Structure formats: C-alpha cells, structure tokens
C-alpha cells in the first residue's frame, strides 16, 4: 500500500495581482506550516519520501514544517490562476470577483471554460495540467510507503478528481474548499486510489487558532 499525504501550502500573499507577487508565504502562512509540522512530528512523523513543487510558497511550507530538502517536481506547481482570470475577462467578459460569494460562482465558470478549450493564449492547457498531476500520482502510487506532497489547491482538486472520478463542476467545488495548510490523504490499495481524508486541519482546531483557518 502507498499512502500519499497532500498538503496545501500555507497562506501566501493574498493581496497580489500576479503569479510572481503571490508566490511567497505570509507570516501567517509560515505559522500555519510550523503548527502543521509540530502536529505531524507529534503523531506520525516518518515519511519515506517528501516531494514539493518548484514554487516558493510550496518549498517554503515544507521548510517551515521541518520537512524541507526533499525532491522537487514541477508537476506539483499550481495552475496559472491569474492568466486564467485575465483570459476569461478578456475573451468572455467575466470580471474578477469582489468577494467570497462571487468567487464561489466565478471559479467553476473559469475552470469550465478552461476545460472546454474556450480560452486562448494560456501558458498551459487543461489537458496538460490534468495529465501532469495524474501522471505523478500514478507514479507515486507505485512507490510504496508514505509520501508527503506539498503542493497547491488546484493540484489537490485534480488529485481528488482523479481518485473519485469527479466531473469538472465537482472538482471546482472541491478546489473552493481547500484550506491553507490543510491535509489530504489518498491510499493506493486494491489497485486503486482511495480517499482517506480531505481538508483536515487538526493543527488549527483549537479555538485560539480560528483566525488561522484561511482559504486565500
């Protein structure tokens, strides 16, 4: 059996207006990752392998957790959200949302346009994003042992789609729920991927850490 523990990075620079500006942890993001690392070391600290994407916020989360220095794989990098947002506004007149309620309706529309091939000039197609994430999961599934993967919300959404057979709308809803520094577990057993946990935040459950339960 292989157990893959997926972690979304801690809170990044949520005031950014482009990919480069977003790609750094906020002070709260570092704290979230530190608390998660302490939780892991107090419960089940051993991993046979640690893998992160290339992004600063992903590698920084692993470092703050105390699990830095593992493998780096670009297939764990996040989808290009800002490029998608710019394309969907320019090509379909759908503006960026102004609040969380608007965003909950906005993201599924953006992902649907992307998946249907209705957006031009993007750095990556939906098919390419899907293939790189699922290919890596399939590789890790055959490795055995416990694997810690530090990545981003879109990648985790695609992992859940792969494991559960979700449609595009279902995957988009999953992406909306992925919290910063959350834990997700998938197991490769009986020749299939099984979801063992989704969006767990045991390190943030104490009442005095309610302020640290963030999505962006």
N, C-alpha and C. Protein backbone atom coordinates (compact mmCIF):
# COMPACT_ATOMS: atom_id res chain seq x y z
N UNK A 1 0.84 -1.20 0.00
CA UNK A 1 0.00 0.00 0.00
C UNK A 1 0.87 1.25 0.00
N UNK A 2 0.44 2.26 -0.70
CA UNK A 2 1.07 3.58 -0.67
C UNK A 2 0.11 4.58 -0.03
N UNK A 3 0.61 5.36 0.91
CA UNK A 3 -0.16 6.48 1.47
C UNK A 3 0.47 7.78 0.99
N UNK A 4 -0.33 8.60 0.33
CA UNK A 4 0.13 9.90 -0.14
C UNK A 4 -0.58 10.97 0.68
N UNK A 5 0.19 11.75 1.41
CA UNK A 5 -0.35 12.84 2.23
C UNK A 5 -0.09 14.15 1.49
N UNK A 6 -1.17 14.76 1.01
CA UNK A 6 -1.07 16.02 0.28
C UNK A 6 -1.31 17.18 1.23
N UNK A 7 -0.48 18.19 1.14
CA UNK A 7 -0.61 19.39 1.96
C UNK A 7 -0.68 20.60 1.04
N UNK A 8 -1.68 21.44 1.26
CA UNK A 8 -1.69 22.73 0.56
C UNK A 8 -0.75 23.68 1.30
N UNK A 9 -0.04 24.50 0.55
CA UNK A 9 0.87 25.48 1.15
C UNK A 9 0.14 26.39 2.12
N UNK A 10 0.89 27.01 3.01
CA UNK A 10 0.33 28.00 3.91
C UNK A 10 -0.11 29.24 3.16
N UNK A 11 -0.78 30.12 3.88
CA UNK A 11 -1.29 31.34 3.24
C UNK A 11 -0.17 32.08 2.53
N UNK A 12 -0.44 32.47 1.29
CA UNK A 12 0.53 33.23 0.50
C UNK A 12 0.16 34.71 0.54
N UNK A 13 0.77 35.50 -0.35
CA UNK A 13 0.49 36.93 -0.41
C UNK A 13 -0.86 37.17 -1.08
N UNK A 14 -1.90 37.20 -0.29
CA UNK A 14 -3.26 37.23 -0.85
C UNK A 14 -3.66 38.59 -1.40
N UNK A 15 -2.78 39.57 -1.36
CA UNK A 15 -3.07 40.87 -1.97
C UNK A 15 -2.41 41.02 -3.34
N UNK A 16 -1.80 39.97 -3.82
CA UNK A 16 -1.07 40.03 -5.08
C UNK A 16 -2.02 40.14 -6.27
N UNK A 17 -1.50 40.67 -7.36
CA UNK A 17 -2.27 40.79 -8.60
C UNK A 17 -1.63 40.02 -9.74
N UNK A 18 -0.56 39.26 -9.45
CA UNK A 18 0.05 38.41 -10.47
C UNK A 18 0.71 37.21 -9.80
N UNK A 19 1.13 36.25 -10.62
CA UNK A 19 1.68 35.00 -10.10
C UNK A 19 2.93 35.25 -9.25
N UNK A 20 3.84 36.08 -9.76
CA UNK A 20 5.10 36.31 -9.05
C UNK A 20 4.86 36.96 -7.69
N UNK A 21 3.95 37.92 -7.64
CA UNK A 21 3.67 38.60 -6.38
C UNK A 21 3.00 37.70 -5.36
N UNK A 22 2.21 36.75 -5.84
CA UNK A 22 1.51 35.84 -4.95
C UNK A 22 2.44 34.81 -4.32
N UNK A 23 3.53 34.48 -5.00
CA UNK A 23 4.33 33.31 -4.65
C UNK A 23 5.30 33.56 -3.50
N UNK A 24 4.77 33.94 -2.36
CA UNK A 24 5.55 33.97 -1.14
C UNK A 24 4.61 33.82 0.04
N UNK A 25 5.07 33.16 1.07
CA UNK A 25 4.24 32.93 2.25
C UNK A 25 4.08 34.22 3.05
N UNK A 26 2.88 34.41 3.57
CA UNK A 26 2.66 35.47 4.54
C UNK A 26 3.19 35.00 5.90
N UNK A 27 3.36 35.91 6.85
CA UNK A 27 3.75 35.47 8.20
C UNK A 27 2.78 34.43 8.77
N UNK A 28 1.49 34.60 8.52
CA UNK A 28 0.52 33.61 8.98
C UNK A 28 0.75 32.27 8.27
N UNK A 29 1.09 32.31 6.97
CA UNK A 29 1.36 31.07 6.25
C UNK A 29 2.52 30.29 6.83
N UNK A 30 3.55 31.00 7.24
CA UNK A 30 4.69 30.34 7.90
C UNK A 30 4.25 29.73 9.22
N UNK A 31 3.43 30.46 9.98
CA UNK A 31 2.94 29.94 11.26
C UNK A 31 2.07 28.70 11.06
N UNK A 32 1.18 28.73 10.07
CA UNK A 32 0.34 27.57 9.78
C UNK A 32 1.19 26.33 9.50
N UNK A 33 2.22 26.51 8.69
CA UNK A 33 3.09 25.39 8.33
C UNK A 33 3.87 24.88 9.54
N UNK A 34 4.33 25.79 10.39
CA UNK A 34 5.06 25.40 11.60
C UNK A 34 4.16 24.58 12.52
N UNK A 35 2.92 25.02 12.72
CA UNK A 35 1.98 24.26 13.55
C UNK A 35 1.71 22.89 12.95
N UNK A 36 1.56 22.82 11.61
CA UNK A 36 1.31 21.53 10.97
C UNK A 36 2.49 20.60 11.17
N UNK A 37 3.70 21.11 11.01
CA UNK A 37 4.88 20.27 11.22
C UNK A 37 4.95 19.73 12.63
N UNK A 38 4.63 20.58 13.62
CA UNK A 38 4.63 20.11 15.01
C UNK A 38 3.59 19.02 15.21
N UNK A 39 2.42 19.19 14.60
CA UNK A 39 1.39 18.15 14.70
C UNK A 39 1.87 16.84 14.10
N UNK A 40 2.49 16.90 12.96
CA UNK A 40 2.97 15.67 12.32
C UNK A 40 4.03 14.98 13.15
N UNK A 41 4.96 15.74 13.67
CA UNK A 41 6.03 15.12 14.47
C UNK A 41 5.49 14.52 15.76
N UNK A 42 4.36 15.03 16.24
CA UNK A 42 3.76 14.50 17.48
C UNK A 42 2.87 13.31 17.22
N UNK A 43 2.55 13.02 15.96
CA UNK A 43 1.61 11.94 15.66
C UNK A 43 2.30 10.83 14.85
N UNK A 44 2.59 11.08 13.60
CA UNK A 44 3.20 10.05 12.76
C UNK A 44 4.24 10.72 11.87
N UNK A 45 5.46 10.94 12.37
CA UNK A 45 6.40 11.84 11.70
C UNK A 45 7.13 11.27 10.49
N UNK A 46 7.14 9.96 10.31
CA UNK A 46 8.01 9.38 9.29
C UNK A 46 7.38 9.42 7.90
N UNK A 47 8.17 9.84 6.92
CA UNK A 47 7.81 9.73 5.52
C UNK A 47 8.98 9.11 4.76
N UNK A 48 8.65 8.22 3.84
CA UNK A 48 9.70 7.61 3.03
C UNK A 48 10.20 8.55 1.94
N UNK A 49 9.38 9.54 1.60
CA UNK A 49 9.76 10.49 0.58
C UNK A 49 8.97 11.77 0.78
N UNK A 50 9.61 12.90 0.49
CA UNK A 50 8.95 14.21 0.52
C UNK A 50 9.13 14.84 -0.86
N UNK A 51 8.04 15.34 -1.42
CA UNK A 51 8.08 15.96 -2.75
C UNK A 51 7.32 17.28 -2.70
N UNK A 52 7.89 18.34 -3.26
CA UNK A 52 7.21 19.61 -3.39
C UNK A 52 7.25 20.05 -4.85
N UNK A 53 6.41 21.04 -5.17
CA UNK A 53 6.55 21.71 -6.45
C UNK A 53 7.74 22.65 -6.42
N UNK A 54 7.92 23.41 -7.50
CA UNK A 54 9.05 24.32 -7.58
C UNK A 54 8.75 25.68 -6.97
N UNK A 55 7.49 25.95 -6.65
CA UNK A 55 7.09 27.29 -6.24
C UNK A 55 7.61 27.65 -4.85
N UNK A 56 7.91 28.92 -4.66
CA UNK A 56 8.49 29.38 -3.39
C UNK A 56 7.56 29.08 -2.22
N UNK A 57 6.26 29.29 -2.40
CA UNK A 57 5.33 29.07 -1.29
C UNK A 57 5.21 27.59 -0.93
N UNK A 58 5.39 26.70 -1.91
CA UNK A 58 5.35 25.26 -1.65
C UNK A 58 6.61 24.81 -0.90
N UNK A 59 7.77 25.20 -1.42
CA UNK A 59 9.03 24.80 -0.77
C UNK A 59 9.16 25.46 0.59
N UNK A 60 8.68 26.71 0.71
CA UNK A 60 8.73 27.39 1.99
C UNK A 60 7.85 26.72 3.04
N UNK A 61 6.72 26.19 2.60
CA UNK A 61 5.85 25.46 3.53
C UNK A 61 6.53 24.20 4.05
N UNK A 62 7.14 23.44 3.14
CA UNK A 62 7.85 22.24 3.58
C UNK A 62 8.97 22.60 4.55
N UNK A 63 9.70 23.66 4.28
CA UNK A 63 10.77 24.10 5.18
C UNK A 63 10.22 24.46 6.56
N UNK A 64 9.14 25.25 6.58
CA UNK A 64 8.57 25.68 7.86
C UNK A 64 7.98 24.51 8.64
N UNK A 65 7.53 23.48 7.92
CA UNK A 65 7.03 22.27 8.58
C UNK A 65 8.15 21.45 9.19
N UNK A 66 9.38 21.67 8.73
CA UNK A 66 10.51 20.85 9.16
C UNK A 66 10.75 19.65 8.26
N UNK A 67 10.20 19.70 7.05
CA UNK A 67 10.34 18.61 6.08
C UNK A 67 10.96 19.12 4.77
N UNK A 68 11.84 20.09 4.87
CA UNK A 68 12.49 20.62 3.67
C UNK A 68 13.58 19.68 3.17
N UNK A 69 14.10 20.01 1.99
CA UNK A 69 15.20 19.24 1.44
C UNK A 69 14.80 18.01 0.67
N UNK A 70 13.50 17.84 0.38
CA UNK A 70 13.06 16.68 -0.38
C UNK A 70 13.18 16.89 -1.88
N UNK A 71 12.52 16.05 -2.62
CA UNK A 71 12.53 16.15 -4.08
C UNK A 71 11.66 17.33 -4.53
N UNK A 72 12.02 17.89 -5.68
CA UNK A 72 11.25 18.98 -6.28
C UNK A 72 10.77 18.52 -7.64
N UNK A 73 9.46 18.66 -7.88
CA UNK A 73 8.87 18.20 -9.13
C UNK A 73 7.88 19.26 -9.63
N UNK A 74 8.16 19.80 -10.82
CA UNK A 74 7.33 20.87 -11.37
C UNK A 74 5.90 20.44 -11.65
N UNK A 75 5.65 19.15 -11.69
CA UNK A 75 4.28 18.68 -11.93
C UNK A 75 3.34 19.03 -10.78
N UNK A 76 3.92 19.42 -9.64
CA UNK A 76 3.12 19.82 -8.49
C UNK A 76 2.86 21.33 -8.44
N UNK A 77 3.35 22.06 -9.42
CA UNK A 77 3.11 23.50 -9.46
C UNK A 77 1.62 23.78 -9.70
N UNK A 78 1.17 24.92 -9.22
CA UNK A 78 -0.23 25.29 -9.31
C UNK A 78 -0.61 25.67 -10.74
N UNK A 79 -1.91 25.57 -11.04
CA UNK A 79 -2.43 26.10 -12.29
C UNK A 79 -2.22 27.62 -12.31
N UNK A 80 -2.22 28.21 -13.48
CA UNK A 80 -1.92 29.64 -13.64
C UNK A 80 -3.19 30.46 -13.46
N UNK A 81 -3.56 30.70 -12.21
CA UNK A 81 -4.84 31.34 -11.91
C UNK A 81 -4.94 32.74 -12.53
N UNK A 82 -3.90 33.56 -12.37
CA UNK A 82 -4.00 34.93 -12.85
C UNK A 82 -4.12 34.97 -14.38
N UNK A 83 -3.43 34.08 -15.07
CA UNK A 83 -3.55 34.01 -16.52
C UNK A 83 -4.96 33.58 -16.92
N UNK A 84 -5.53 32.63 -16.19
CA UNK A 84 -6.91 32.21 -16.45
C UNK A 84 -7.88 33.36 -16.23
N UNK A 85 -7.70 34.09 -15.15
CA UNK A 85 -8.59 35.21 -14.84
C UNK A 85 -8.51 36.29 -15.92
N UNK A 86 -7.32 36.60 -16.37
CA UNK A 86 -7.17 37.61 -17.41
C UNK A 86 -7.80 37.15 -18.72
N UNK A 87 -7.62 35.87 -19.06
CA UNK A 87 -8.16 35.35 -20.32
C UNK A 87 -9.68 35.31 -20.30
N UNK A 88 -10.27 34.89 -19.19
CA UNK A 88 -11.72 34.76 -19.15
C UNK A 88 -12.40 36.14 -19.16
N UNK A 89 -11.73 37.15 -18.62
CA UNK A 89 -12.30 38.50 -18.68
C UNK A 89 -12.14 39.08 -20.09
N UNK A 90 -10.95 38.92 -20.67
CA UNK A 90 -10.71 39.50 -21.99
C UNK A 90 -11.52 38.82 -23.08
N UNK A 91 -11.70 37.50 -22.97
CA UNK A 91 -12.32 36.75 -24.05
C UNK A 91 -13.81 36.46 -23.84
N UNK A 92 -14.27 36.53 -22.58
CA UNK A 92 -15.68 36.21 -22.32
C UNK A 92 -16.38 37.25 -21.45
N UNK A 93 -15.69 38.34 -21.12
CA UNK A 93 -16.32 39.42 -20.38
C UNK A 93 -16.71 39.07 -18.97
N UNK A 94 -16.02 38.12 -18.35
CA UNK A 94 -16.33 37.72 -16.98
C UNK A 94 -15.29 38.35 -16.05
N UNK A 95 -15.67 39.37 -15.28
CA UNK A 95 -14.68 40.07 -14.45
C UNK A 95 -14.30 39.27 -13.21
N UNK A 96 -13.17 39.63 -12.63
CA UNK A 96 -12.74 39.01 -11.39
C UNK A 96 -13.73 39.31 -10.27
N UNK A 97 -13.94 38.39 -9.36
CA UNK A 97 -14.92 38.59 -8.28
C UNK A 97 -14.44 39.58 -7.24
N UNK A 98 -15.39 40.14 -6.51
CA UNK A 98 -15.08 41.12 -5.48
C UNK A 98 -15.21 40.58 -4.06
N UNK A 99 -15.84 39.42 -3.90
CA UNK A 99 -15.98 38.85 -2.56
C UNK A 99 -16.06 37.33 -2.66
N UNK A 100 -16.12 36.67 -1.52
CA UNK A 100 -16.08 35.21 -1.47
C UNK A 100 -17.29 34.57 -2.14
N UNK A 101 -18.46 35.18 -1.99
CA UNK A 101 -19.66 34.63 -2.61
C UNK A 101 -19.55 34.67 -4.13
N UNK A 102 -19.08 35.79 -4.66
CA UNK A 102 -18.87 35.89 -6.09
C UNK A 102 -17.83 34.89 -6.57
N UNK A 103 -16.76 34.72 -5.79
CA UNK A 103 -15.70 33.79 -6.19
C UNK A 103 -16.20 32.36 -6.26
N UNK A 104 -17.12 31.99 -5.36
CA UNK A 104 -17.67 30.63 -5.36
C UNK A 104 -18.43 30.33 -6.65
N UNK A 105 -19.00 31.35 -7.26
CA UNK A 105 -19.68 31.17 -8.55
C UNK A 105 -18.70 31.35 -9.72
N UNK A 106 -17.70 32.16 -9.50
CA UNK A 106 -16.75 32.51 -10.56
C UNK A 106 -15.82 31.36 -10.92
N UNK A 107 -15.21 30.74 -9.91
CA UNK A 107 -14.19 29.72 -10.20
C UNK A 107 -14.72 28.57 -11.05
N UNK A 108 -15.90 27.99 -10.75
CA UNK A 108 -16.39 26.92 -11.63
C UNK A 108 -16.56 27.36 -13.08
N UNK A 109 -16.97 28.60 -13.31
CA UNK A 109 -17.11 29.10 -14.69
C UNK A 109 -15.75 29.18 -15.38
N UNK A 110 -14.74 29.65 -14.64
CA UNK A 110 -13.40 29.75 -15.21
C UNK A 110 -12.85 28.36 -15.55
N UNK A 111 -12.96 27.43 -14.62
CA UNK A 111 -12.45 26.08 -14.85
C UNK A 111 -13.20 25.41 -16.00
N UNK A 112 -14.49 25.65 -16.10
CA UNK A 112 -15.27 25.06 -17.19
C UNK A 112 -14.82 25.60 -18.55
N UNK A 113 -14.64 26.92 -18.65
CA UNK A 113 -14.14 27.49 -19.91
C UNK A 113 -12.77 26.90 -20.27
N UNK A 114 -11.93 26.76 -19.27
CA UNK A 114 -10.58 26.20 -19.49
C UNK A 114 -10.68 24.76 -19.97
N UNK A 115 -11.47 23.95 -19.28
CA UNK A 115 -11.58 22.53 -19.62
C UNK A 115 -12.22 22.33 -20.99
N UNK A 116 -13.12 23.23 -21.38
CA UNK A 116 -13.78 23.11 -22.67
C UNK A 116 -12.93 23.66 -23.82
N UNK A 117 -11.76 24.19 -23.52
CA UNK A 117 -10.89 24.74 -24.56
C UNK A 117 -11.36 26.07 -25.09
N UNK A 118 -12.07 26.84 -24.26
CA UNK A 118 -12.64 28.11 -24.71
C UNK A 118 -11.77 29.32 -24.40
N UNK A 119 -10.51 29.09 -23.96
CA UNK A 119 -9.62 30.19 -23.63
C UNK A 119 -8.33 30.06 -24.44
N UNK A 120 -7.92 31.14 -25.06
CA UNK A 120 -6.71 31.14 -25.88
C UNK A 120 -5.56 31.84 -25.17
N UNK A 121 -4.34 31.52 -25.58
CA UNK A 121 -3.16 32.23 -25.11
C UNK A 121 -2.73 31.93 -23.70
N UNK A 122 -3.09 30.77 -23.18
CA UNK A 122 -2.71 30.40 -21.81
C UNK A 122 -1.36 29.69 -21.79
N UNK A 123 -0.66 29.76 -20.67
CA UNK A 123 0.62 29.06 -20.57
C UNK A 123 0.49 27.54 -20.51
N UNK A 124 -0.72 27.05 -20.20
CA UNK A 124 -0.91 25.59 -20.08
C UNK A 124 -2.37 25.25 -20.36
N UNK A 125 -2.59 24.19 -21.09
CA UNK A 125 -3.96 23.72 -21.34
C UNK A 125 -4.46 22.93 -20.14
N UNK A 126 -5.77 22.80 -20.05
CA UNK A 126 -6.37 21.97 -19.01
C UNK A 126 -5.87 20.53 -19.13
N UNK A 127 -5.79 20.04 -20.36
CA UNK A 127 -5.36 18.65 -20.58
C UNK A 127 -3.95 18.43 -20.07
N UNK A 128 -3.07 19.41 -20.28
CA UNK A 128 -1.70 19.29 -19.80
C UNK A 128 -1.65 19.29 -18.28
N UNK A 129 -2.41 20.19 -17.66
CA UNK A 129 -2.46 20.24 -16.20
C UNK A 129 -2.96 18.92 -15.63
N UNK A 130 -4.06 18.43 -16.18
CA UNK A 130 -4.61 17.16 -15.72
C UNK A 130 -3.60 16.02 -15.86
N UNK A 131 -2.94 15.96 -17.01
CA UNK A 131 -2.01 14.86 -17.27
C UNK A 131 -0.82 14.88 -16.33
N UNK A 132 -0.27 16.06 -16.07
CA UNK A 132 0.93 16.09 -15.22
C UNK A 132 0.61 15.70 -13.78
N UNK A 133 -0.54 16.13 -13.29
CA UNK A 133 -0.91 15.79 -11.92
C UNK A 133 -1.22 14.30 -11.79
N UNK A 134 -2.03 13.78 -12.69
CA UNK A 134 -2.42 12.38 -12.59
C UNK A 134 -1.23 11.45 -12.87
N UNK A 135 -0.35 11.85 -13.78
CA UNK A 135 0.84 11.03 -14.04
C UNK A 135 1.71 10.91 -12.80
N UNK A 136 1.91 12.03 -12.11
CA UNK A 136 2.73 11.98 -10.90
C UNK A 136 2.06 11.15 -9.82
N UNK A 137 0.75 11.30 -9.64
CA UNK A 137 0.05 10.49 -8.64
C UNK A 137 0.18 9.01 -8.94
N UNK A 138 0.06 8.66 -10.22
CA UNK A 138 0.20 7.25 -10.59
C UNK A 138 1.61 6.74 -10.31
N UNK A 139 2.62 7.58 -10.57
CA UNK A 139 4.00 7.19 -10.26
C UNK A 139 4.19 6.99 -8.76
N UNK A 140 3.70 7.93 -7.97
CA UNK A 140 3.85 7.82 -6.52
C UNK A 140 3.09 6.62 -5.97
N UNK A 141 1.96 6.31 -6.60
CA UNK A 141 1.14 5.19 -6.13
C UNK A 141 1.90 3.87 -6.20
N UNK A 142 2.80 3.76 -7.15
CA UNK A 142 3.56 2.53 -7.30
C UNK A 142 4.82 2.46 -6.47
N UNK A 143 5.09 3.51 -5.69
CA UNK A 143 6.36 3.56 -4.96
C UNK A 143 6.32 2.85 -3.62
N UNK A 144 5.12 2.69 -3.03
CA UNK A 144 5.00 2.09 -1.71
C UNK A 144 5.40 3.06 -0.61
N UNK A 145 5.02 2.75 0.62
CA UNK A 145 5.38 3.58 1.77
C UNK A 145 4.53 4.82 1.91
N UNK A 146 5.06 5.78 2.66
CA UNK A 146 4.36 7.04 2.92
C UNK A 146 5.08 8.17 2.21
N UNK A 147 4.31 8.98 1.50
CA UNK A 147 4.87 10.09 0.72
C UNK A 147 4.18 11.38 1.15
N UNK A 148 4.98 12.39 1.48
CA UNK A 148 4.46 13.71 1.79
C UNK A 148 4.60 14.58 0.54
N UNK A 149 3.50 15.16 0.10
CA UNK A 149 3.46 16.01 -1.09
C UNK A 149 2.99 17.39 -0.66
N UNK A 150 3.81 18.41 -0.87
CA UNK A 150 3.43 19.78 -0.54
C UNK A 150 3.19 20.52 -1.85
N UNK A 151 1.95 20.97 -2.04
CA UNK A 151 1.54 21.50 -3.33
C UNK A 151 0.53 22.62 -3.15
N UNK A 152 -0.45 22.73 -4.04
CA UNK A 152 -1.40 23.84 -4.05
C UNK A 152 -2.83 23.33 -4.24
N UNK A 153 -3.80 24.23 -4.06
CA UNK A 153 -5.20 23.84 -4.05
C UNK A 153 -5.70 23.25 -5.36
N UNK A 154 -5.28 23.81 -6.49
CA UNK A 154 -5.72 23.27 -7.76
C UNK A 154 -5.22 21.87 -8.02
N UNK A 155 -3.98 21.61 -7.62
CA UNK A 155 -3.41 20.27 -7.76
C UNK A 155 -4.16 19.29 -6.88
N UNK A 156 -4.48 19.70 -5.66
CA UNK A 156 -5.23 18.83 -4.76
C UNK A 156 -6.63 18.56 -5.32
N UNK A 157 -7.26 19.58 -5.89
CA UNK A 157 -8.56 19.37 -6.53
C UNK A 157 -8.47 18.36 -7.65
N UNK A 158 -7.43 18.44 -8.47
CA UNK A 158 -7.25 17.47 -9.55
C UNK A 158 -6.97 16.08 -8.99
N UNK A 159 -6.23 15.99 -7.89
CA UNK A 159 -5.98 14.69 -7.27
C UNK A 159 -7.28 14.06 -6.81
N UNK A 160 -8.18 14.87 -6.23
CA UNK A 160 -9.47 14.35 -5.80
C UNK A 160 -10.33 13.93 -6.99
N UNK A 161 -10.25 14.69 -8.06
CA UNK A 161 -10.97 14.30 -9.29
C UNK A 161 -10.48 12.95 -9.79
N UNK A 162 -9.18 12.77 -9.77
CA UNK A 162 -8.57 11.52 -10.24
C UNK A 162 -9.00 10.35 -9.36
N UNK A 163 -9.00 10.56 -8.05
CA UNK A 163 -9.31 9.46 -7.13
C UNK A 163 -10.80 9.15 -7.07
N UNK A 164 -11.65 10.17 -7.21
CA UNK A 164 -13.09 10.00 -7.01
C UNK A 164 -13.90 10.01 -8.30
N UNK A 165 -13.26 10.30 -9.43
CA UNK A 165 -13.99 10.35 -10.69
C UNK A 165 -14.95 11.51 -10.77
N UNK A 166 -14.57 12.66 -10.21
CA UNK A 166 -15.44 13.83 -10.20
C UNK A 166 -15.57 14.44 -11.59
N UNK A 167 -16.71 15.08 -11.85
CA UNK A 167 -16.83 15.87 -13.08
C UNK A 167 -16.19 17.24 -12.84
N UNK A 168 -16.17 18.07 -13.87
CA UNK A 168 -15.49 19.36 -13.76
C UNK A 168 -16.12 20.23 -12.67
N UNK A 169 -17.45 20.24 -12.61
CA UNK A 169 -18.12 21.03 -11.58
C UNK A 169 -17.79 20.55 -10.18
N UNK A 170 -17.75 19.24 -9.99
CA UNK A 170 -17.40 18.69 -8.69
C UNK A 170 -15.98 19.03 -8.29
N UNK A 171 -15.07 18.95 -9.25
CA UNK A 171 -13.68 19.31 -8.96
C UNK A 171 -13.57 20.77 -8.56
N UNK A 172 -14.30 21.65 -9.25
CA UNK A 172 -14.25 23.08 -8.92
C UNK A 172 -14.73 23.34 -7.50
N UNK A 173 -15.78 22.65 -7.08
CA UNK A 173 -16.28 22.81 -5.71
C UNK A 173 -15.25 22.33 -4.69
N UNK A 174 -14.56 21.25 -5.02
CA UNK A 174 -13.50 20.76 -4.14
C UNK A 174 -12.40 21.81 -4.00
N UNK A 175 -11.99 22.40 -5.11
CA UNK A 175 -10.94 23.42 -5.08
C UNK A 175 -11.32 24.58 -4.18
N UNK A 176 -12.58 24.96 -4.19
CA UNK A 176 -13.03 26.07 -3.37
C UNK A 176 -12.89 25.80 -1.87
N UNK A 177 -12.88 24.54 -1.48
CA UNK A 177 -12.89 24.18 -0.06
C UNK A 177 -11.50 23.93 0.52
N UNK A 178 -10.47 23.89 -0.31
CA UNK A 178 -9.14 23.51 0.17
C UNK A 178 -8.52 24.66 0.97
N UNK A 179 -8.32 24.44 2.26
CA UNK A 179 -7.80 25.47 3.15
C UNK A 179 -6.28 25.50 3.11
N UNK A 180 -5.73 26.66 3.48
CA UNK A 180 -4.28 26.77 3.58
C UNK A 180 -3.75 25.82 4.65
N UNK A 181 -2.70 25.11 4.31
CA UNK A 181 -2.00 24.14 5.18
C UNK A 181 -2.85 22.92 5.53
N UNK A 182 -3.91 22.68 4.75
CA UNK A 182 -4.77 21.51 5.03
C UNK A 182 -4.11 20.21 4.59
N UNK A 183 -4.56 19.12 5.23
CA UNK A 183 -4.07 17.76 4.97
C UNK A 183 -5.10 16.96 4.20
N UNK A 184 -4.62 16.17 3.25
CA UNK A 184 -5.48 15.29 2.44
C UNK A 184 -4.73 13.97 2.27
N UNK A 185 -5.43 12.87 2.41
CA UNK A 185 -4.78 11.56 2.30
C UNK A 185 -5.44 10.72 1.22
N UNK A 186 -4.62 10.15 0.37
CA UNK A 186 -5.10 9.15 -0.58
C UNK A 186 -4.24 7.90 -0.42
N UNK A 187 -4.88 6.76 -0.56
CA UNK A 187 -4.18 5.48 -0.42
C UNK A 187 -4.32 4.69 -1.72
N UNK A 188 -3.20 4.14 -2.16
CA UNK A 188 -3.26 3.23 -3.30
C UNK A 188 -3.34 1.81 -2.73
N UNK A 189 -4.52 1.23 -2.83
CA UNK A 189 -4.78 -0.09 -2.27
C UNK A 189 -5.80 -0.78 -3.16
N UNK A 190 -5.70 -2.11 -3.29
CA UNK A 190 -6.59 -2.87 -4.17
C UNK A 190 -6.53 -2.34 -5.61
N UNK A 191 -5.31 -1.91 -5.99
CA UNK A 191 -5.07 -1.41 -7.36
C UNK A 191 -5.91 -0.19 -7.71
N UNK A 192 -6.24 0.62 -6.72
CA UNK A 192 -6.97 1.86 -6.99
C UNK A 192 -6.63 2.89 -5.93
N UNK A 193 -6.89 4.16 -6.27
CA UNK A 193 -6.72 5.24 -5.31
C UNK A 193 -7.99 5.41 -4.49
N UNK A 194 -7.84 5.46 -3.18
CA UNK A 194 -8.95 5.64 -2.26
C UNK A 194 -8.68 6.88 -1.42
N UNK A 195 -9.68 7.73 -1.24
CA UNK A 195 -9.52 8.93 -0.43
C UNK A 195 -9.72 8.59 1.04
N UNK A 196 -8.70 8.88 1.85
CA UNK A 196 -8.78 8.61 3.27
C UNK A 196 -9.12 9.83 4.11
N UNK A 197 -8.81 11.02 3.59
CA UNK A 197 -9.12 12.26 4.32
C UNK A 197 -9.10 13.41 3.34
N UNK A 198 -9.94 14.42 3.63
CA UNK A 198 -9.97 15.61 2.80
C UNK A 198 -10.06 16.84 3.69
N UNK A 199 -9.16 17.79 3.46
CA UNK A 199 -9.24 19.12 4.05
C UNK A 199 -9.16 19.11 5.58
N UNK A 200 -8.37 18.22 6.13
CA UNK A 200 -8.22 18.15 7.58
C UNK A 200 -7.26 19.25 8.05
N UNK A 201 -7.61 19.87 9.18
CA UNK A 201 -6.74 20.90 9.77
C UNK A 201 -6.64 20.69 11.28
N UNK A 202 -6.14 19.54 11.72
CA UNK A 202 -6.07 19.28 13.16
C UNK A 202 -5.19 20.27 13.92
N UNK A 203 -4.21 20.84 13.22
CA UNK A 203 -3.30 21.80 13.84
C UNK A 203 -3.94 23.17 14.02
N UNK A 204 -5.13 23.37 13.46
CA UNK A 204 -5.82 24.65 13.57
C UNK A 204 -7.15 24.53 14.32
N UNK A 205 -7.40 23.38 14.92
CA UNK A 205 -8.71 23.13 15.53
C UNK A 205 -8.92 23.84 16.85
N UNK A 206 -7.85 24.21 17.53
CA UNK A 206 -8.01 24.89 18.82
C UNK A 206 -8.71 26.23 18.62
N UNK A 207 -9.60 26.63 19.55
CA UNK A 207 -10.34 27.88 19.39
C UNK A 207 -9.44 29.10 19.20
N UNK A 208 -8.27 29.13 19.83
CA UNK A 208 -7.41 30.30 19.69
C UNK A 208 -6.68 30.35 18.35
N UNK A 209 -6.91 29.36 17.49
CA UNK A 209 -6.31 29.37 16.15
C UNK A 209 -7.38 29.55 15.06
N UNK A 210 -8.58 29.94 15.45
CA UNK A 210 -9.65 30.12 14.47
C UNK A 210 -9.26 31.17 13.42
N UNK A 211 -8.49 32.16 13.80
CA UNK A 211 -8.08 33.21 12.86
C UNK A 211 -7.17 32.67 11.77
N UNK A 212 -6.57 31.49 12.01
CA UNK A 212 -5.61 30.92 11.08
C UNK A 212 -6.25 29.97 10.07
N UNK A 213 -7.57 29.83 10.09
CA UNK A 213 -8.25 28.96 9.14
C UNK A 213 -8.62 29.77 7.91
N UNK A 214 -7.72 29.76 6.94
CA UNK A 214 -7.86 30.63 5.77
C UNK A 214 -7.93 29.83 4.49
N UNK A 215 -8.53 30.47 3.47
CA UNK A 215 -8.61 29.89 2.14
C UNK A 215 -7.73 30.63 1.13
N UNK A 216 -7.50 31.91 1.36
CA UNK A 216 -6.67 32.71 0.46
C UNK A 216 -5.67 33.52 1.27
